[in-house]
Protein backbone atom coordinates (compact mmCIF):
# COMPACT_ATOMS: atom_id res chain seq x y z
CA MET A 1 -45.07 -5.58 -48.68
CA PHE A 2 -41.74 -6.73 -50.08
CA ASN A 3 -42.06 -9.27 -52.88
CA PRO A 4 -38.79 -10.51 -54.42
CA LEU A 5 -40.64 -11.45 -57.61
CA ASP A 6 -41.10 -7.75 -58.33
CA TYR A 7 -37.32 -7.30 -58.71
CA GLU A 8 -36.41 -8.91 -62.03
CA LEU A 9 -32.70 -8.07 -61.81
CA LEU A 10 -32.46 -9.79 -58.44
CA ILE A 11 -34.12 -12.88 -59.92
CA LEU A 12 -31.71 -12.87 -62.84
CA VAL A 13 -28.59 -12.69 -60.68
CA LEU A 14 -29.68 -15.20 -58.04
CA SER A 15 -31.06 -17.74 -60.50
CA PHE A 16 -28.00 -17.60 -62.74
CA PHE A 17 -25.48 -18.16 -59.94
CA CYS A 18 -27.68 -20.83 -58.38
CA PHE A 19 -28.05 -22.77 -61.63
CA TRP A 20 -24.39 -22.36 -62.54
CA ALA A 21 -23.40 -23.60 -59.08
CA MET A 22 -25.55 -26.72 -59.55
CA THR A 23 -23.90 -27.34 -62.91
CA TRP A 24 -20.48 -27.04 -61.31
CA ILE A 25 -21.48 -29.41 -58.47
CA GLY A 26 -22.69 -31.94 -61.04
CA GLY A 27 -19.34 -31.78 -62.83
CA TYR A 28 -17.52 -32.16 -59.52
CA PHE A 29 -19.40 -35.37 -58.73
CA ARG A 30 -18.73 -36.60 -62.25
CA ARG A 31 -14.97 -36.22 -61.79
CA ARG A 32 -15.15 -37.99 -58.42
CA SER A 33 -17.13 -40.96 -59.71
CA GLN A 34 -16.53 -43.66 -62.29
CA LYS A 35 -16.99 -42.94 -65.95
CA LEU A 36 -20.40 -43.92 -67.34
CA GLU A 37 -20.17 -46.42 -70.18
CA GLY A 38 -22.47 -48.70 -72.10
CA GLU A 39 -25.93 -49.23 -70.65
CA ASP A 40 -25.25 -46.99 -67.68
CA ARG A 41 -24.63 -44.04 -69.96
CA GLU A 42 -27.72 -44.79 -72.06
CA GLU A 43 -29.88 -44.95 -68.94
CA PHE A 44 -28.43 -41.71 -67.65
CA LEU A 45 -29.05 -39.93 -70.96
CA PHE A 46 -32.64 -41.26 -70.93
CA ILE A 47 -33.18 -39.82 -67.46
CA LEU A 48 -31.56 -36.53 -68.49
CA GLY A 49 -33.80 -36.23 -71.55
CA GLY A 50 -36.93 -36.97 -69.54
CA THR A 51 -35.98 -34.44 -66.87
CA LEU A 52 -35.28 -31.72 -69.44
CA THR A 53 -38.62 -32.48 -71.12
CA LEU A 54 -40.38 -32.12 -67.78
CA LEU A 55 -38.57 -28.81 -67.20
CA GLY A 56 -39.67 -27.55 -70.61
CA LEU A 57 -43.31 -28.42 -69.85
CA ILE A 58 -43.19 -26.67 -66.47
CA ILE A 59 -41.67 -23.55 -68.04
CA GLY A 60 -44.32 -23.60 -70.76
CA PHE A 61 -47.19 -23.96 -68.27
CA THR A 62 -45.78 -21.24 -66.03
CA PHE A 63 -45.32 -18.91 -68.98
CA SER A 64 -48.91 -19.60 -70.03
CA MET A 65 -50.12 -18.71 -66.52
CA ALA A 66 -48.24 -15.41 -66.63
CA VAL A 67 -49.56 -14.48 -70.09
CA SER A 68 -53.18 -15.30 -69.17
CA ARG A 69 -52.94 -13.05 -66.10
CA TYR A 70 -51.39 -10.28 -68.19
CA ASP A 71 -54.21 -10.52 -70.75
CA LEU A 72 -56.78 -10.42 -67.95
CA ARG A 73 -55.28 -7.23 -66.53
CA LYS A 74 -55.37 -5.64 -69.99
CA GLN A 75 -59.00 -6.67 -70.41
CA TYR A 76 -60.02 -5.13 -67.09
CA GLU A 77 -58.16 -1.90 -67.87
CA GLU A 78 -60.13 -1.61 -71.12
CA GLN A 79 -63.38 -2.48 -69.37
CA GLU A 80 -62.74 0.14 -66.68
CA ALA A 81 -62.16 2.84 -69.29
CA ASN A 82 -65.40 1.90 -71.07
CA THR A 83 -67.51 1.96 -67.90
CA ILE A 84 -66.10 5.32 -66.77
CA GLY A 85 -66.66 6.85 -70.21
CA THR A 86 -70.24 5.54 -70.36
CA GLU A 87 -71.03 6.84 -66.89
CA TYR A 88 -69.54 10.23 -67.76
CA SER A 89 -72.01 10.51 -70.63
CA ARG A 90 -74.97 9.35 -68.51
CA VAL A 91 -74.24 11.96 -65.86
CA ASP A 92 -75.30 14.64 -68.38
CA LEU A 93 -78.88 13.57 -67.61
CA LEU A 94 -78.59 14.82 -64.03
CA PRO A 95 -79.48 18.39 -63.05
CA ALA A 96 -76.84 20.90 -64.13
CA ALA A 97 -75.35 21.45 -60.67
CA ASP A 98 -75.14 17.73 -59.88
CA ALA A 99 -73.79 16.91 -63.33
CA THR A 100 -70.98 19.48 -63.03
CA LYS A 101 -69.96 18.14 -59.64
CA VAL A 102 -69.96 14.47 -60.70
CA HIS A 103 -68.12 15.27 -63.93
CA GLN A 104 -65.33 16.91 -61.96
CA LEU A 105 -65.17 13.95 -59.58
CA LEU A 106 -65.03 11.49 -62.46
CA ARG A 107 -62.12 13.36 -64.05
CA SER A 108 -60.22 13.32 -60.74
CA TYR A 109 -61.05 9.65 -60.30
CA LEU A 110 -59.79 8.90 -63.80
CA ASP A 111 -56.48 10.65 -63.06
CA GLN A 112 -56.03 8.51 -59.95
CA ARG A 113 -56.69 5.31 -61.90
CA ILE A 114 -54.04 6.30 -64.45
CA LEU A 115 -51.53 6.95 -61.67
CA HIS A 116 -52.36 3.55 -60.19
CA TYR A 117 -51.10 1.84 -63.36
CA GLU A 118 -48.09 4.08 -63.86
CA THR A 119 -46.59 4.20 -60.37
CA GLY A 120 -44.03 1.64 -59.22
CA SER A 121 -43.66 2.82 -55.62
CA ASN A 122 -45.57 0.97 -52.92
CA ARG A 123 -45.82 4.11 -50.79
CA GLU A 124 -47.28 6.16 -53.63
CA LEU A 125 -49.59 3.28 -54.47
CA GLU A 126 -51.05 3.30 -50.97
CA GLN A 127 -51.75 7.03 -51.21
CA ILE A 128 -53.33 6.64 -54.64
CA ASP A 129 -55.56 3.78 -53.46
CA ALA A 130 -56.67 5.81 -50.43
CA GLN A 131 -57.54 8.80 -52.63
CA THR A 132 -59.36 6.49 -55.04
CA GLU A 133 -61.47 5.08 -52.23
CA ARG A 134 -62.45 8.58 -51.06
CA LEU A 135 -63.41 9.58 -54.60
CA GLN A 136 -65.54 6.46 -54.94
CA TRP A 137 -67.55 7.45 -51.87
CA ASP A 138 -67.96 10.99 -53.23
CA LEU A 139 -69.03 9.69 -56.64
CA TRP A 140 -71.60 7.35 -55.14
CA SER A 141 -72.98 10.13 -52.96
CA GLY A 142 -73.12 12.45 -55.96
CA VAL A 143 -75.44 10.15 -57.93
CA ALA A 144 -77.28 8.55 -54.99
CA ALA A 145 -78.64 11.87 -53.68
CA PRO A 146 -80.55 12.81 -56.88
CA ALA A 147 -81.78 9.23 -57.22
CA ALA A 148 -83.14 9.32 -53.67
CA VAL A 149 -84.97 12.58 -54.31
CA GLN A 150 -86.34 11.52 -57.71
CA PRO A 151 -86.21 7.72 -58.15
CA THR A 152 -86.83 7.87 -61.89
CA PRO A 153 -85.65 5.21 -64.39
CA VAL A 154 -83.02 7.65 -65.67
CA ASN A 155 -81.54 8.22 -62.21
CA THR A 156 -81.63 4.47 -61.58
CA LEU A 157 -79.67 3.93 -64.81
CA ILE A 158 -77.07 6.49 -63.73
CA LEU A 159 -76.80 4.82 -60.33
CA ALA A 160 -76.28 1.40 -61.93
CA GLY A 161 -73.60 2.84 -64.23
CA MET A 162 -71.71 4.30 -61.28
CA ASN A 163 -71.90 0.92 -59.55
CA GLU A 164 -70.34 -0.71 -62.64
CA ALA A 165 -67.57 1.90 -62.75
CA ILE A 166 -66.68 1.27 -59.10
CA ASP A 167 -66.90 -2.51 -59.53
CA SER A 168 -64.56 -2.40 -62.52
CA GLN A 169 -61.86 -0.94 -60.28
CA GLY A 170 -62.30 -3.87 -57.92
CA TYR A 171 -61.97 -6.36 -60.75
CA ALA A 172 -58.78 -4.67 -61.97
CA GLN A 173 -57.38 -4.68 -58.42
CA ALA A 174 -58.15 -8.38 -57.99
CA ALA A 175 -56.45 -9.15 -61.31
CA SER A 176 -53.29 -7.33 -60.19
CA TRP A 177 -53.21 -9.45 -57.02
CA ASN A 178 -53.63 -12.68 -58.98
CA ARG A 179 -50.01 -13.75 -59.39
CA ILE A 180 -48.35 -17.07 -60.17
CA PRO A 181 -48.50 -19.20 -57.00
CA ILE A 182 -45.34 -19.54 -54.94
CA ALA A 183 -45.63 -23.34 -55.20
CA ALA A 184 -45.31 -23.10 -58.99
CA TRP A 185 -42.19 -20.96 -58.64
CA GLY A 186 -40.77 -23.43 -56.13
CA LEU A 187 -41.38 -26.43 -58.41
CA LEU A 188 -39.86 -24.61 -61.36
CA THR A 189 -36.77 -23.68 -59.35
CA ILE A 190 -36.22 -27.19 -57.94
CA VAL A 191 -36.57 -28.92 -61.31
CA SER A 192 -34.27 -26.34 -62.92
CA MET A 193 -31.60 -26.92 -60.29
CA PHE A 194 -31.84 -30.69 -60.70
CA CYS A 195 -31.55 -30.40 -64.49
CA ASN A 196 -28.46 -28.22 -64.18
CA PHE A 197 -26.93 -30.79 -61.85
CA LEU A 198 -27.58 -33.61 -64.38
CA VAL A 199 -26.21 -31.54 -67.27
CA GLY A 200 -23.05 -30.80 -65.28
CA TYR A 201 -22.71 -34.46 -64.45
CA SER A 202 -23.02 -35.43 -68.13
CA LEU A 203 -20.34 -33.05 -69.40
CA PRO A 204 -16.93 -34.66 -69.82
CA GLY A 205 -14.09 -32.54 -68.49
CA LYS A 206 -14.21 -28.85 -67.60
CA ARG A 207 -16.18 -27.12 -70.33
CA VAL A 208 -16.95 -23.73 -68.90
CA PHE A 209 -18.76 -22.30 -71.92
CA VAL A 210 -21.02 -25.31 -72.38
CA SER A 211 -21.83 -25.40 -68.68
CA LEU A 212 -23.09 -21.78 -68.86
CA ILE A 213 -25.63 -22.33 -71.67
CA LEU A 214 -28.40 -23.93 -69.62
CA PRO A 215 -28.08 -21.58 -66.60
CA ILE A 216 -28.26 -18.54 -68.90
CA ALA A 217 -31.27 -19.91 -70.80
CA LEU A 218 -33.16 -20.80 -67.62
CA SER A 219 -32.39 -17.47 -65.96
CA ALA A 220 -33.66 -15.59 -69.02
CA SER A 221 -36.84 -17.68 -68.98
CA LEU A 222 -37.46 -16.99 -65.30
CA ILE A 223 -36.93 -13.25 -65.63
CA LEU A 224 -39.29 -13.11 -68.62
CA ILE A 225 -42.01 -14.97 -66.72
CA ALA A 226 -41.55 -12.77 -63.66
CA ASP A 227 -41.66 -9.62 -65.79
CA ILE A 228 -44.94 -10.60 -67.44
CA ASP A 229 -46.41 -11.71 -64.11
CA GLY A 230 -45.62 -8.38 -62.41
CA PRO A 231 -48.57 -5.95 -62.58
CA ARG A 232 -46.59 -2.69 -62.52
CA THR A 233 -42.83 -3.26 -62.49
CA GLY A 234 -40.49 -4.35 -65.25
CA LEU A 235 -40.51 -3.80 -68.99
CA ILE A 236 -43.69 -5.76 -69.72
CA HIS A 237 -46.71 -4.55 -67.77
CA VAL A 238 -50.15 -3.18 -68.47
CA ARG A 239 -50.07 0.48 -69.46
CA PRO A 240 -53.28 2.53 -69.16
CA HIS A 241 -53.62 3.35 -72.84
CA ASN A 242 -57.43 3.22 -72.77
CA LEU A 243 -57.71 5.27 -69.59
CA THR A 244 -55.25 7.86 -70.91
CA ASN A 245 -57.11 8.10 -74.21
CA LEU A 246 -60.38 8.57 -72.31
CA ALA A 247 -58.85 11.34 -70.17
CA ASP A 248 -57.63 13.15 -73.30
CA SER A 249 -61.07 12.80 -74.92
CA LEU A 250 -62.78 14.24 -71.85
CA ARG A 251 -60.39 17.20 -71.78
CA ARG A 252 -61.05 17.92 -75.45
CA ALA A 253 -64.81 17.64 -74.92
CA GLU A 254 -64.63 19.94 -71.90
CA GLY A 255 -62.61 22.46 -73.92
CA ARG A 256 -65.17 22.45 -76.72
CA LYS A 257 -67.96 22.92 -74.19
CA LEU A 258 -66.21 25.92 -72.66
CA ARG A 259 -65.63 27.50 -76.05
CA GLN A 260 -69.26 27.01 -76.99
CA SER A 261 -70.49 28.49 -73.73
CA SER A 262 -68.29 31.57 -74.25
CA SER A 263 -69.37 32.10 -77.88
CA ILE A 264 -73.05 31.14 -77.49
CA GLY A 265 -73.74 32.87 -74.20
CA SER A 266 -77.01 34.39 -73.20
CA PHE A 267 -77.55 38.04 -73.91
CA ILE A 268 -80.12 40.81 -73.73
CA LEU A 269 -80.02 43.88 -75.98
CA ASN A 270 -82.16 46.91 -75.50
CA SER A 271 -82.78 50.08 -77.47
CA ARG A 272 -84.01 53.22 -75.74
CA GLU A 273 -85.15 54.90 -78.96
CA THR A 274 -87.43 52.19 -80.35
CA GLY A 275 -88.23 50.06 -77.32
CA LEU A 276 -86.88 46.98 -79.09
CA SER A 277 -85.03 44.15 -77.35
CA VAL A 278 -83.22 40.96 -78.35
CA SER A 279 -82.91 38.14 -75.83
CA GLY A 280 -81.88 34.49 -75.87
CA ASN A 281 -78.59 33.16 -77.19
CA LEU A 282 -76.59 33.34 -80.35
CA ALA A 283 -77.90 30.00 -81.57
CA ASN A 284 -81.61 30.91 -81.11
CA PRO A 285 -82.19 34.67 -80.63
CA THR A 286 -85.60 36.15 -79.89
CA PHE A 287 -86.45 39.66 -81.09
CA ARG A 288 -89.35 41.47 -79.46
CA ASP A 289 -91.03 44.84 -80.07
CA LEU A 290 -91.55 46.33 -76.62
CA SER A 291 -93.13 49.51 -77.99
CA GLY A 292 -96.10 47.67 -79.51
CA LEU A 293 -95.61 49.53 -82.81
CA GLY A 294 -94.80 46.65 -85.06
CA HIS A 295 -93.01 43.33 -85.56
CA LEU A 296 -89.46 42.53 -86.50
CA VAL A 297 -88.25 40.39 -89.34
CA VAL A 298 -84.91 38.85 -88.32
CA LEU A 299 -82.43 37.63 -90.91
CA PRO A 300 -79.37 35.93 -89.27
CA VAL A 301 -76.12 36.30 -91.17
CA ALA A 302 -73.33 34.02 -89.78
CA CYS A 303 -69.64 34.41 -90.38
CA SER A 304 -66.54 32.72 -88.98
CA THR A 305 -65.75 35.07 -86.11
CA ARG A 306 -69.02 36.86 -85.37
CA ILE A 307 -72.74 36.73 -86.02
CA ASP A 308 -74.63 39.69 -87.49
CA TYR A 309 -78.39 40.03 -87.35
CA THR A 310 -80.22 42.30 -89.83
CA ALA A 311 -83.50 43.51 -88.31
CA THR A 312 -86.09 45.32 -90.41
CA SER A 313 -88.92 47.04 -88.53
CA LEU A 314 -92.33 47.44 -90.04
CA LEU A 315 -92.46 50.84 -88.35
CA SER A 316 -89.45 52.07 -90.27
CA GLU A 317 -88.56 51.07 -93.80
CA GLU A 318 -84.85 51.53 -93.15
CA PRO A 319 -83.01 48.36 -92.04
CA SER A 320 -80.94 48.50 -88.89
CA ARG A 321 -78.14 46.14 -87.86
CA ALA A 322 -77.30 44.65 -84.48
CA THR A 323 -73.84 43.07 -84.20
CA ALA A 324 -73.22 40.23 -81.73
CA ASN A 325 -69.82 38.89 -80.66
CA PRO A 326 -68.58 36.74 -77.75
CA GLN A 327 -67.35 39.78 -75.81
CA GLY A 328 -70.66 41.61 -75.68
CA PHE A 329 -73.13 43.61 -77.77
CA SER A 330 -73.74 47.24 -78.61
CA ASP A 331 -77.16 48.79 -78.23
CA LEU A 332 -79.67 47.88 -80.89
CA PHE A 333 -80.85 50.53 -83.36
CA ARG A 334 -78.63 53.42 -82.28
């Protein structure tokens, strides 16, 4: 839906020409009327001062409304990042298959939330919101199914965390819809126009430069307030720093997990000559004597790129070495 308050340049141009026109109209009436002198001039200046004071208060209150809404949107963006990150950690408690699926959905959901803050197109925003809604249903189904099968306290905690993550998106959406009321903008515009008229009426003669000061100052104030009040457009808006930082952290964590799984993978080594086997993983290997002739004493020797295990059999006094690396293993005791 078209909202003129989202176009700061349009506000700047329209407000400046409107205020300058009111200043010019005030000067026109001044030249057509009698010159103010004595008590009449003092009363006029008193009214002008009171009106300008009222305008300053209205601008201050409106600016405060815009800043409070901006701070609220920042707070909800931070809260959303925290709830998603907490739920991502809790999902590790699910079974491996369910945890992998929900982790992938959470990463996709996080990407959509980042795009929601960064996009300025209404058409793209509708597509992002639709995709976000679909992912929310998938996420809820992904944690609700294990909780229904096994309603344990852990699954209940995961379900509650997912509910908080979805609710945080709703809070952030509501904060983006909470704009300065149109009535406040209308009051600010009317009082500004009236003040420009009085200033133009008070200026003796045609002073073009002086008559432009108040319109320029008021236009700059309005565009600043509109920029802060806008949730996505303009120079001042909430940027998803916390969500982006969370996405980077999850990518780094996922990369470390993949590297660990490739370097500490499961393996089984066999030896035809001695009937000895090694099974388990690189972090906790298990050596067994399948021939029943003796035991093995295993001495792990770790280095930066590979792990060597020195195995000494009680059957044979000569030590043998089995070398393990991420790509695979050679037969033990060749």
